[in-house]
Amino acid sequence: MGPFHDTFVAINPVTLGESERWHDIGKRIFSYQNPTGGMERPLTFRQTHGLFLWQMNYDGVMPYAYQDSFGSAWNDFDHAIYRDHNFVYPTMDGVVDTLQWEGLREGVTDVRYLSTLLAALEQSDNRALTEEISVWLAALKEQPLPRLDFAEARDIFTGYILALNAAAVDKEPETVPPVELVEPLRL
């Protein structure tokens, strides 16, 4: 069915091979339900719905589920087998966020910073700075996310964005301190 779709929504594990298969035929690939909502693991959702998808060359994410309860949305344990899969809980005039929702939101924000940096990098004429950033991004692409300091990575994104913007208007770019990424795990 590949030729008849513009976007494949993959429920299977996220892999480089799967993204390459779809990109090779000019299609996009999204990750679905990896993992399912309802677990209080904000860092897991930040990783899996953020930079991990960039590392695996996926084009987007479709989390499951914003709200899916097996009885009362406010009672996670009212089903004999399953727990509710809620990223948020409904109220009369909005929602109550959960820890997993906040993790997902942080993952999306990480990708927004990364996307801003990539766009600025693409427009830059500063060869030395673009080379430095490209080397750092290549190392980040291989970085095991459980070892990554996300706050530090976001600070580096910001520093590089500011440096590229300053270089674009012929100002002296701010110095971004070199960062040593840990060696990727060898499996």
Protein backbone atom coordinates (compact mmCIF):
# COMPACT_ATOMS: atom_id res chain seq x y z
CA MET A 1 0.00 0.00 0.00
CA GLY A 2 3.07 2.28 0.16
CA PRO A 3 2.48 4.06 -3.16
CA PHE A 4 -1.09 4.95 -2.14
CA HIS A 5 -0.20 6.69 1.14
CA ASP A 6 1.61 9.95 1.77
CA THR A 7 2.22 9.17 5.46
CA PHE A 8 2.67 5.79 7.11
CA VAL A 9 1.68 5.60 10.78
CA ALA A 10 3.83 2.86 12.32
CA ILE A 11 2.76 1.12 15.51
CA ASN A 12 5.78 -1.17 15.35
CA PRO A 13 9.07 -0.32 17.10
CA VAL A 14 10.81 2.84 15.86
CA THR A 15 13.80 1.93 13.66
CA LEU A 16 16.06 3.61 11.13
CA GLY A 17 15.34 0.83 8.66
CA GLU A 18 11.61 1.51 8.74
CA SER A 19 12.04 5.25 8.23
CA GLU A 20 14.47 4.64 5.34
CA ARG A 21 11.98 2.30 3.64
CA TRP A 22 9.30 5.00 3.59
CA HIS A 23 11.62 7.88 2.76
CA ASP A 24 13.09 5.89 -0.13
CA ILE A 25 9.69 5.96 -1.85
CA GLY A 26 9.13 9.64 -1.01
CA LYS A 27 6.72 9.12 1.88
CA ARG A 28 6.62 10.26 5.49
CA ILE A 29 6.50 8.07 8.59
CA PHE A 30 4.98 8.79 12.01
CA SER A 31 5.34 6.80 15.22
CA TYR A 32 2.09 5.72 16.87
CA GLN A 33 1.54 4.62 20.45
CA ASN A 34 5.20 4.19 21.35
CA PRO A 35 4.48 4.01 24.30
CA THR A 36 0.81 4.21 25.23
CA GLY A 37 -0.22 7.05 27.53
CA GLY A 38 -1.16 6.53 31.14
CA MET A 39 2.28 5.88 32.66
CA GLU A 40 3.84 8.50 34.94
CA ARG A 41 7.17 8.48 33.12
CA PRO A 42 7.73 12.01 31.83
CA LEU A 43 11.33 11.41 30.73
CA THR A 44 10.25 8.38 28.67
CA PHE A 45 7.68 10.50 26.81
CA ARG A 46 10.16 13.36 26.38
CA GLN A 47 12.63 10.99 24.75
CA THR A 48 10.25 8.90 22.64
CA HIS A 49 8.16 11.83 21.41
CA GLY A 50 11.08 14.20 20.88
CA LEU A 51 14.72 13.81 19.93
CA PHE A 52 14.53 10.03 19.53
CA LEU A 53 12.23 10.43 16.53
CA TRP A 54 14.74 12.85 14.98
CA GLN A 55 17.53 10.35 15.63
CA MET A 56 15.50 7.67 13.82
CA ASN A 57 14.51 10.02 10.94
CA TYR A 58 10.77 9.91 11.68
CA ASP A 59 8.59 12.78 10.54
CA GLY A 60 6.10 12.93 13.39
CA VAL A 61 4.33 11.27 16.27
CA MET A 62 0.76 10.24 17.03
CA PRO A 63 0.49 9.56 20.76
CA TYR A 64 -2.19 7.30 22.18
CA ALA A 65 -4.28 8.50 23.88
CA TYR A 66 -5.19 12.02 24.83
CA GLN A 67 -8.03 10.51 26.85
CA ASP A 68 -9.14 6.88 26.81
CA SER A 69 -10.75 5.46 29.89
CA PHE A 70 -12.18 2.03 30.61
CA GLY A 71 -14.88 3.42 32.86
CA SER A 72 -14.61 6.72 34.69
CA ALA A 73 -11.88 8.98 33.32
CA TRP A 74 -11.06 9.94 36.90
CA ASN A 75 -10.54 6.37 38.12
CA ASP A 76 -7.50 4.71 36.55
CA PHE A 77 -8.22 1.44 38.33
CA ASP A 78 -11.89 0.76 37.59
CA HIS A 79 -11.14 -1.95 35.02
CA ALA A 80 -10.14 -5.50 35.97
CA ILE A 81 -7.17 -5.63 33.54
CA TYR A 82 -6.36 -2.23 32.04
CA ARG A 83 -5.47 1.12 33.43
CA ASP A 84 -6.81 4.26 31.72
CA HIS A 85 -4.64 5.68 28.94
CA ASN A 86 -4.94 9.37 29.73
CA PHE A 87 -2.43 12.07 28.94
CA VAL A 88 -4.86 14.55 30.50
CA TYR A 89 -7.99 14.33 32.65
CA PRO A 90 -11.17 16.17 31.61
CA THR A 91 -12.73 19.01 33.60
CA MET A 92 -15.78 21.16 32.97
CA ASP A 93 -13.72 23.86 31.25
CA GLY A 94 -10.46 22.25 30.18
CA VAL A 95 -8.09 19.52 31.28
CA VAL A 96 -5.71 18.59 34.08
CA ASP A 97 -2.25 17.80 32.72
CA THR A 98 -0.36 14.69 33.80
CA LEU A 99 3.34 14.05 34.24
CA GLN A 100 3.42 12.11 30.97
CA TRP A 101 1.74 15.05 29.18
CA GLU A 102 4.41 17.40 30.49
CA GLY A 103 7.11 15.00 29.27
CA LEU A 104 5.53 14.83 25.82
CA ARG A 105 5.29 18.64 25.75
CA GLU A 106 8.99 18.94 26.62
CA GLY A 107 9.87 16.48 23.84
CA VAL A 108 7.94 18.55 21.31
CA THR A 109 9.67 21.70 22.59
CA ASP A 110 13.08 20.02 22.19
CA VAL A 111 12.24 19.32 18.55
CA ARG A 112 11.08 22.92 18.06
CA TYR A 113 14.48 24.18 19.27
CA LEU A 114 16.24 21.64 17.06
CA SER A 115 14.11 22.61 14.04
CA THR A 116 14.88 26.28 14.60
CA LEU A 117 18.59 25.48 14.75
CA LEU A 118 18.43 23.36 11.58
CA ALA A 119 16.61 26.13 9.71
CA ALA A 120 19.16 28.73 10.83
CA LEU A 121 22.00 26.37 9.93
CA GLU A 122 20.59 25.89 6.42
CA GLN A 123 20.55 29.65 5.84
CA SER A 124 23.99 30.37 7.31
CA ASP A 125 27.02 31.44 5.27
CA ASN A 126 29.41 31.10 8.21
CA ARG A 127 31.34 27.97 7.23
CA ALA A 128 33.32 27.62 10.45
CA LEU A 129 30.25 27.89 12.65
CA THR A 130 28.12 25.62 10.45
CA GLU A 131 30.88 23.00 10.50
CA GLU A 132 31.11 23.16 14.30
CA ILE A 133 27.33 22.83 14.66
CA SER A 134 27.16 20.01 12.10
CA VAL A 135 29.79 18.03 14.01
CA TRP A 136 27.90 18.55 17.27
CA LEU A 137 24.56 17.55 15.69
CA ALA A 138 26.13 14.40 14.20
CA ALA A 139 27.33 13.42 17.68
CA LEU A 140 23.89 14.22 19.14
CA LYS A 141 22.25 12.02 16.50
CA GLU A 142 24.22 9.05 17.93
CA GLN A 143 23.87 10.06 21.59
CA PRO A 144 22.07 7.58 23.87
CA LEU A 145 19.20 9.70 25.16
CA PRO A 146 19.17 8.21 28.67
CA ARG A 147 22.62 9.79 29.10
CA LEU A 148 21.67 13.19 27.64
CA ASP A 149 21.27 16.27 29.83
CA PHE A 150 18.23 17.73 28.06
CA ALA A 151 18.55 21.15 29.73
CA GLU A 152 22.16 21.41 28.57
CA ALA A 153 21.21 20.30 25.05
CA ARG A 154 18.50 22.95 24.90
CA ASP A 155 20.99 25.58 26.12
CA ILE A 156 23.36 24.55 23.32
CA PHE A 157 20.55 24.73 20.74
CA THR A 158 19.82 28.26 21.98
CA GLY A 159 23.47 29.30 21.96
CA TYR A 160 23.99 28.06 18.43
CA ILE A 161 20.77 29.71 17.20
CA LEU A 162 21.90 33.02 18.70
CA ALA A 163 25.40 32.60 17.24
CA LEU A 164 24.01 31.91 13.76
CA ASN A 165 21.64 34.87 13.99
CA ALA A 166 24.44 37.15 15.13
CA ALA A 167 26.69 35.92 12.31
CA ALA A 168 23.89 36.55 9.81
CA VAL A 169 23.76 40.25 10.71
CA ASP A 170 27.57 40.57 10.77
CA LYS A 171 27.89 40.80 14.54
CA GLU A 172 30.47 38.98 16.57
CA PRO A 173 28.74 35.67 17.37
CA GLU A 174 28.52 34.62 20.97
CA THR A 175 30.91 31.89 21.91
CA VAL A 176 29.25 28.57 22.54
CA PRO A 177 31.33 26.46 24.89
CA PRO A 178 32.39 23.12 23.43
CA VAL A 179 30.41 20.21 24.78
CA GLU A 180 31.65 16.70 25.16
CA LEU A 181 28.93 14.16 24.43
CA VAL A 182 29.37 10.80 26.05
CA GLU A 183 30.41 7.92 23.85
CA PRO A 184 27.45 6.01 22.37
CA LEU A 185 26.81 2.62 23.86
CA ARG A 186 28.26 -0.21 21.82
CA LEU A 187 25.74 -3.02 21.52
